[in-house]
Amino acid sequence: MKLTFNLKFLIIFIAIFIVEILIAKYVHDAYIRPFGGDVLVVVLIYAFLRIFLKTNYKKLAFGILIFSFIIEFLQALHYVNWLGLQDSKFWSIVLGTYFSVYDLLAYFLGYLICLLFKD
């Protein structure tokens, strides 16, 4: 693993970040906002890390998938309450407040998309 700067992934990160903001602000449905946003967040994290890291893309994508799964399982344990952030709308949205098997599927689809970004 090497430190680097990758302009391509910076552009991808900014584009996905803008899409995520637009989804959060303007889309209030039962599919795109909860499912599509979760798919994209995995790709967003992947793109952010690839801006600065030159590493095995498969291992990085898998690590992000595992991280996402851990966060989702922590939601089942109401970890936002543990952190004392339950009254913060921002942190409740960012960290999530409830477990969903569909979120795990969304994260897996995001992982598959990350695998398309070969070295």
N, C-alpha and C. Protein backbone atom coordinates (compact mmCIF):
# COMPACT_ATOMS: atom_id res chain seq x y z
N MET A 1 0.85 -1.16 0.00
CA MET A 1 0.00 0.00 0.00
C MET A 1 0.90 1.23 0.00
N LYS A 2 0.58 2.17 -0.91
CA LYS A 2 1.35 3.40 -1.02
C LYS A 2 0.42 4.60 -0.94
N LEU A 3 0.95 5.69 -0.39
CA LEU A 3 0.22 6.94 -0.42
C LEU A 3 0.39 7.57 -1.80
N THR A 4 -0.69 8.15 -2.30
CA THR A 4 -0.68 8.72 -3.64
C THR A 4 -1.75 9.79 -3.73
N PHE A 5 -1.91 10.36 -4.89
CA PHE A 5 -3.05 11.23 -5.17
C PHE A 5 -3.59 10.82 -6.53
N ASN A 6 -4.88 10.47 -6.57
CA ASN A 6 -5.49 10.00 -7.80
C ASN A 6 -6.65 10.92 -8.16
N LEU A 7 -6.46 11.73 -9.19
CA LEU A 7 -7.45 12.71 -9.61
C LEU A 7 -8.74 12.03 -10.08
N LYS A 8 -8.62 10.90 -10.76
CA LYS A 8 -9.80 10.19 -11.25
C LYS A 8 -10.75 9.84 -10.10
N PHE A 9 -10.20 9.33 -9.01
CA PHE A 9 -11.05 8.96 -7.88
C PHE A 9 -11.54 10.18 -7.11
N LEU A 10 -10.80 11.28 -7.16
CA LEU A 10 -11.31 12.52 -6.56
C LEU A 10 -12.57 12.97 -7.30
N ILE A 11 -12.54 12.92 -8.62
CA ILE A 11 -13.69 13.31 -9.43
C ILE A 11 -14.87 12.37 -9.18
N ILE A 12 -14.60 11.07 -9.11
CA ILE A 12 -15.65 10.09 -8.83
C ILE A 12 -16.25 10.36 -7.44
N PHE A 13 -15.39 10.61 -6.47
CA PHE A 13 -15.85 10.88 -5.11
C PHE A 13 -16.76 12.12 -5.08
N ILE A 14 -16.33 13.19 -5.71
CA ILE A 14 -17.12 14.42 -5.70
C ILE A 14 -18.47 14.20 -6.39
N ALA A 15 -18.46 13.48 -7.51
CA ALA A 15 -19.70 13.22 -8.24
C ALA A 15 -20.67 12.40 -7.40
N ILE A 16 -20.19 11.34 -6.77
CA ILE A 16 -21.06 10.51 -5.93
C ILE A 16 -21.53 11.28 -4.71
N PHE A 17 -20.66 12.09 -4.13
CA PHE A 17 -21.04 12.89 -2.97
C PHE A 17 -22.18 13.84 -3.33
N ILE A 18 -22.10 14.47 -4.48
CA ILE A 18 -23.17 15.37 -4.94
C ILE A 18 -24.46 14.59 -5.15
N VAL A 19 -24.37 13.41 -5.76
CA VAL A 19 -25.56 12.58 -5.97
C VAL A 19 -26.17 12.19 -4.62
N GLU A 20 -25.33 11.82 -3.66
CA GLU A 20 -25.84 11.46 -2.33
C GLU A 20 -26.57 12.63 -1.68
N ILE A 21 -26.02 13.82 -1.80
CA ILE A 21 -26.67 15.00 -1.23
C ILE A 21 -28.01 15.25 -1.92
N LEU A 22 -28.04 15.13 -3.24
CA LEU A 22 -29.28 15.34 -3.98
C LEU A 22 -30.34 14.30 -3.59
N ILE A 23 -29.92 13.06 -3.43
CA ILE A 23 -30.85 12.00 -3.01
C ILE A 23 -31.40 12.34 -1.62
N ALA A 24 -30.52 12.72 -0.70
CA ALA A 24 -30.96 13.02 0.66
C ALA A 24 -31.91 14.21 0.70
N LYS A 25 -31.67 15.18 -0.15
CA LYS A 25 -32.45 16.41 -0.11
C LYS A 25 -33.76 16.31 -0.88
N TYR A 26 -33.76 15.61 -2.01
CA TYR A 26 -34.92 15.68 -2.91
C TYR A 26 -35.66 14.37 -3.15
N VAL A 27 -35.07 13.25 -2.81
CA VAL A 27 -35.72 11.97 -3.09
C VAL A 27 -36.28 11.41 -1.78
N HIS A 28 -37.58 11.22 -1.75
CA HIS A 28 -38.24 10.72 -0.54
C HIS A 28 -39.13 9.53 -0.90
N ASP A 29 -38.50 8.51 -1.44
CA ASP A 29 -39.26 7.32 -1.85
C ASP A 29 -38.83 6.12 -1.02
N ALA A 30 -39.33 4.97 -1.38
CA ALA A 30 -39.04 3.76 -0.61
C ALA A 30 -37.91 2.92 -1.23
N TYR A 31 -37.34 3.36 -2.36
CA TYR A 31 -36.34 2.54 -3.03
C TYR A 31 -35.01 3.26 -3.23
N ILE A 32 -35.05 4.38 -3.96
CA ILE A 32 -33.79 5.05 -4.31
C ILE A 32 -33.09 5.59 -3.07
N ARG A 33 -33.82 6.31 -2.24
CA ARG A 33 -33.17 6.93 -1.07
C ARG A 33 -32.59 5.88 -0.13
N PRO A 34 -33.35 4.91 0.34
CA PRO A 34 -32.75 3.97 1.29
C PRO A 34 -31.81 2.96 0.64
N PHE A 35 -32.19 2.42 -0.52
CA PHE A 35 -31.38 1.36 -1.11
C PHE A 35 -30.26 1.93 -1.98
N GLY A 36 -30.61 2.82 -2.89
CA GLY A 36 -29.61 3.41 -3.78
C GLY A 36 -28.56 4.19 -3.03
N GLY A 37 -29.00 4.92 -2.00
CA GLY A 37 -28.04 5.67 -1.19
C GLY A 37 -27.05 4.76 -0.49
N ASP A 38 -27.51 3.60 -0.03
CA ASP A 38 -26.62 2.65 0.64
C ASP A 38 -25.67 1.98 -0.34
N VAL A 39 -26.12 1.72 -1.55
CA VAL A 39 -25.22 1.18 -2.57
C VAL A 39 -24.10 2.19 -2.84
N LEU A 40 -24.51 3.44 -3.03
CA LEU A 40 -23.54 4.48 -3.37
C LEU A 40 -22.58 4.81 -2.24
N VAL A 41 -23.01 4.67 -0.99
CA VAL A 41 -22.13 5.05 0.11
C VAL A 41 -20.90 4.14 0.16
N VAL A 42 -21.06 2.89 -0.21
CA VAL A 42 -19.91 1.97 -0.26
C VAL A 42 -18.94 2.43 -1.34
N VAL A 43 -19.46 2.80 -2.49
CA VAL A 43 -18.62 3.27 -3.59
C VAL A 43 -17.98 4.62 -3.21
N LEU A 44 -18.72 5.45 -2.50
CA LEU A 44 -18.20 6.74 -2.05
C LEU A 44 -16.99 6.55 -1.13
N ILE A 45 -17.10 5.67 -0.17
CA ILE A 45 -15.99 5.40 0.75
C ILE A 45 -14.80 4.83 -0.02
N TYR A 46 -15.09 3.91 -0.92
CA TYR A 46 -14.04 3.30 -1.75
C TYR A 46 -13.31 4.37 -2.57
N ALA A 47 -14.07 5.23 -3.24
CA ALA A 47 -13.47 6.28 -4.07
C ALA A 47 -12.63 7.23 -3.21
N PHE A 48 -13.14 7.58 -2.02
CA PHE A 48 -12.39 8.47 -1.14
C PHE A 48 -11.04 7.85 -0.78
N LEU A 49 -11.03 6.60 -0.38
CA LEU A 49 -9.77 5.95 0.00
C LEU A 49 -8.83 5.80 -1.19
N ARG A 50 -9.39 5.54 -2.36
CA ARG A 50 -8.55 5.39 -3.56
C ARG A 50 -7.92 6.71 -4.01
N ILE A 51 -8.46 7.84 -3.55
CA ILE A 51 -7.81 9.12 -3.84
C ILE A 51 -6.40 9.11 -3.27
N PHE A 52 -6.24 8.54 -2.09
CA PHE A 52 -4.98 8.64 -1.34
C PHE A 52 -4.19 7.35 -1.24
N LEU A 53 -4.80 6.21 -1.55
CA LEU A 53 -4.13 4.93 -1.37
C LEU A 53 -4.01 4.18 -2.69
N LYS A 54 -2.82 3.71 -2.97
CA LYS A 54 -2.63 2.78 -4.08
C LYS A 54 -2.42 1.42 -3.43
N THR A 55 -3.42 0.56 -3.58
CA THR A 55 -3.42 -0.72 -2.90
C THR A 55 -4.21 -1.73 -3.73
N ASN A 56 -4.25 -2.95 -3.28
CA ASN A 56 -5.02 -3.97 -3.96
C ASN A 56 -6.50 -3.60 -3.89
N TYR A 57 -7.10 -3.34 -5.04
CA TYR A 57 -8.48 -2.85 -5.07
C TYR A 57 -9.48 -3.87 -4.55
N LYS A 58 -9.20 -5.16 -4.73
CA LYS A 58 -10.13 -6.18 -4.23
C LYS A 58 -10.14 -6.23 -2.71
N LYS A 59 -8.95 -6.15 -2.12
CA LYS A 59 -8.86 -6.18 -0.66
C LYS A 59 -9.48 -4.92 -0.05
N LEU A 60 -9.25 -3.78 -0.68
CA LEU A 60 -9.83 -2.54 -0.18
C LEU A 60 -11.36 -2.60 -0.25
N ALA A 61 -11.89 -3.04 -1.38
CA ALA A 61 -13.34 -3.14 -1.53
C ALA A 61 -13.93 -4.11 -0.50
N PHE A 62 -13.26 -5.22 -0.28
CA PHE A 62 -13.74 -6.20 0.70
C PHE A 62 -13.69 -5.63 2.12
N GLY A 63 -12.63 -4.90 2.42
CA GLY A 63 -12.53 -4.27 3.73
C GLY A 63 -13.66 -3.28 3.98
N ILE A 64 -14.02 -2.53 2.95
CA ILE A 64 -15.13 -1.58 3.07
C ILE A 64 -16.44 -2.32 3.24
N LEU A 65 -16.61 -3.43 2.54
CA LEU A 65 -17.81 -4.25 2.71
C LEU A 65 -17.93 -4.74 4.15
N ILE A 66 -16.85 -5.26 4.70
CA ILE A 66 -16.85 -5.75 6.08
C ILE A 66 -17.15 -4.60 7.05
N PHE A 67 -16.52 -3.45 6.83
CA PHE A 67 -16.79 -2.27 7.65
C PHE A 67 -18.28 -1.91 7.60
N SER A 68 -18.86 -1.91 6.42
CA SER A 68 -20.27 -1.57 6.25
C SER A 68 -21.16 -2.58 6.98
N PHE A 69 -20.83 -3.85 6.88
CA PHE A 69 -21.60 -4.87 7.58
C PHE A 69 -21.51 -4.68 9.10
N ILE A 70 -20.33 -4.36 9.59
CA ILE A 70 -20.16 -4.15 11.04
C ILE A 70 -21.03 -2.99 11.50
N ILE A 71 -21.00 -1.89 10.76
CA ILE A 71 -21.83 -0.73 11.11
C ILE A 71 -23.30 -1.12 11.12
N GLU A 72 -23.72 -1.89 10.12
CA GLU A 72 -25.13 -2.31 10.05
C GLU A 72 -25.51 -3.18 11.25
N PHE A 73 -24.64 -4.11 11.62
CA PHE A 73 -24.94 -4.96 12.78
C PHE A 73 -24.92 -4.15 14.08
N LEU A 74 -24.07 -3.13 14.16
CA LEU A 74 -24.09 -2.25 15.33
C LEU A 74 -25.40 -1.48 15.42
N GLN A 75 -26.01 -1.20 14.28
CA GLN A 75 -27.31 -0.52 14.29
C GLN A 75 -28.36 -1.38 14.99
N ALA A 76 -28.25 -2.68 14.84
CA ALA A 76 -29.19 -3.59 15.52
C ALA A 76 -29.03 -3.49 17.04
N LEU A 77 -27.85 -3.07 17.48
CA LEU A 77 -27.58 -2.93 18.91
C LEU A 77 -27.77 -1.49 19.39
N HIS A 78 -28.27 -0.62 18.50
CA HIS A 78 -28.56 0.79 18.82
C HIS A 78 -27.32 1.52 19.32
N TYR A 79 -26.23 1.39 18.57
CA TYR A 79 -24.98 1.99 19.00
C TYR A 79 -25.00 3.52 18.98
N VAL A 80 -25.91 4.12 18.23
CA VAL A 80 -26.05 5.58 18.25
C VAL A 80 -26.42 6.04 19.66
N ASN A 81 -27.24 5.26 20.34
CA ASN A 81 -27.61 5.56 21.73
C ASN A 81 -26.40 5.43 22.65
N TRP A 82 -25.57 4.41 22.41
CA TRP A 82 -24.37 4.21 23.22
C TRP A 82 -23.47 5.44 23.14
N LEU A 83 -23.40 6.01 21.93
CA LEU A 83 -22.53 7.15 21.72
C LEU A 83 -23.15 8.47 22.18
N GLY A 84 -24.41 8.39 22.61
CA GLY A 84 -25.10 9.59 23.07
C GLY A 84 -25.50 10.53 21.95
N LEU A 85 -25.64 10.00 20.73
CA LEU A 85 -25.94 10.83 19.56
C LEU A 85 -27.38 10.69 19.08
N GLN A 86 -28.23 10.04 19.85
CA GLN A 86 -29.60 9.77 19.43
C GLN A 86 -30.41 11.04 19.20
N ASP A 87 -30.05 12.14 19.81
CA ASP A 87 -30.80 13.39 19.64
C ASP A 87 -30.27 14.23 18.48
N SER A 88 -29.20 13.79 17.85
CA SER A 88 -28.63 14.51 16.71
C SER A 88 -29.17 13.94 15.41
N LYS A 89 -29.96 14.73 14.69
CA LYS A 89 -30.52 14.26 13.42
C LYS A 89 -29.41 13.92 12.44
N PHE A 90 -28.39 14.78 12.38
CA PHE A 90 -27.27 14.57 11.45
C PHE A 90 -26.60 13.22 11.69
N TRP A 91 -26.18 12.96 12.94
CA TRP A 91 -25.47 11.72 13.24
C TRP A 91 -26.38 10.50 13.15
N SER A 92 -27.64 10.67 13.46
CA SER A 92 -28.57 9.55 13.32
C SER A 92 -28.71 9.15 11.86
N ILE A 93 -28.71 10.14 10.96
CA ILE A 93 -28.79 9.84 9.53
C ILE A 93 -27.48 9.23 9.03
N VAL A 94 -26.37 9.83 9.40
CA VAL A 94 -25.06 9.37 8.91
C VAL A 94 -24.74 7.97 9.43
N LEU A 95 -24.98 7.73 10.70
CA LEU A 95 -24.61 6.45 11.30
C LEU A 95 -25.70 5.39 11.20
N GLY A 96 -26.92 5.82 10.96
CA GLY A 96 -28.03 4.87 10.86
C GLY A 96 -28.55 4.47 12.22
N THR A 97 -29.84 4.16 12.26
CA THR A 97 -30.44 3.85 13.56
C THR A 97 -31.16 2.51 13.61
N TYR A 98 -31.30 1.84 12.46
CA TYR A 98 -31.98 0.55 12.52
C TYR A 98 -31.35 -0.44 11.54
N PHE A 99 -31.40 -1.70 11.90
CA PHE A 99 -30.82 -2.78 11.09
C PHE A 99 -31.78 -3.18 9.99
N SER A 100 -31.23 -3.46 8.81
CA SER A 100 -32.03 -3.97 7.70
C SER A 100 -31.19 -4.93 6.86
N VAL A 101 -31.76 -6.08 6.58
CA VAL A 101 -31.10 -7.05 5.69
C VAL A 101 -30.94 -6.45 4.30
N TYR A 102 -31.87 -5.59 3.90
CA TYR A 102 -31.77 -4.95 2.59
C TYR A 102 -30.57 -4.02 2.50
N ASP A 103 -30.18 -3.44 3.62
CA ASP A 103 -28.97 -2.61 3.64
C ASP A 103 -27.74 -3.48 3.37
N LEU A 104 -27.72 -4.68 3.93
CA LEU A 104 -26.60 -5.59 3.67
C LEU A 104 -26.52 -5.92 2.18
N LEU A 105 -27.67 -6.14 1.56
CA LEU A 105 -27.70 -6.40 0.12
C LEU A 105 -27.20 -5.18 -0.65
N ALA A 106 -27.62 -3.99 -0.23
CA ALA A 106 -27.18 -2.76 -0.89
C ALA A 106 -25.66 -2.61 -0.78
N TYR A 107 -25.11 -2.88 0.39
CA TYR A 107 -23.67 -2.79 0.58
C TYR A 107 -22.94 -3.79 -0.31
N PHE A 108 -23.51 -4.98 -0.44
CA PHE A 108 -22.89 -5.99 -1.30
C PHE A 108 -22.90 -5.54 -2.76
N LEU A 109 -23.99 -4.94 -3.21
CA LEU A 109 -24.03 -4.42 -4.58
C LEU A 109 -23.01 -3.30 -4.76
N GLY A 110 -22.86 -2.45 -3.75
CA GLY A 110 -21.84 -1.40 -3.81
C GLY A 110 -20.45 -2.00 -3.91
N TYR A 111 -20.21 -3.08 -3.17
CA TYR A 111 -18.94 -3.80 -3.23
C TYR A 111 -18.68 -4.31 -4.65
N LEU A 112 -19.70 -4.89 -5.28
CA LEU A 112 -19.55 -5.38 -6.65
C LEU A 112 -19.21 -4.26 -7.62
N ILE A 113 -19.80 -3.10 -7.41
CA ILE A 113 -19.48 -1.94 -8.25
C ILE A 113 -18.03 -1.52 -8.04
N CYS A 114 -17.57 -1.56 -6.81
CA CYS A 114 -16.17 -1.21 -6.52
C CYS A 114 -15.20 -2.13 -7.26
N LEU A 115 -15.58 -3.38 -7.41
CA LEU A 115 -14.71 -4.33 -8.11
C LEU A 115 -14.56 -3.99 -9.60
N LEU A 116 -15.44 -3.16 -10.13
CA LEU A 116 -15.32 -2.73 -11.52
C LEU A 116 -14.19 -1.74 -11.72
N PHE A 117 -13.75 -1.09 -10.64
CA PHE A 117 -12.66 -0.11 -10.72
C PHE A 117 -11.32 -0.83 -10.55
N LYS A 118 -10.88 -1.48 -11.59
CA LYS A 118 -9.63 -2.23 -11.51
C LYS A 118 -8.44 -1.28 -11.46
N ASP A 119 -7.31 -1.80 -11.02
CA ASP A 119 -6.11 -0.96 -10.91
C ASP A 119 -5.62 -0.46 -12.22
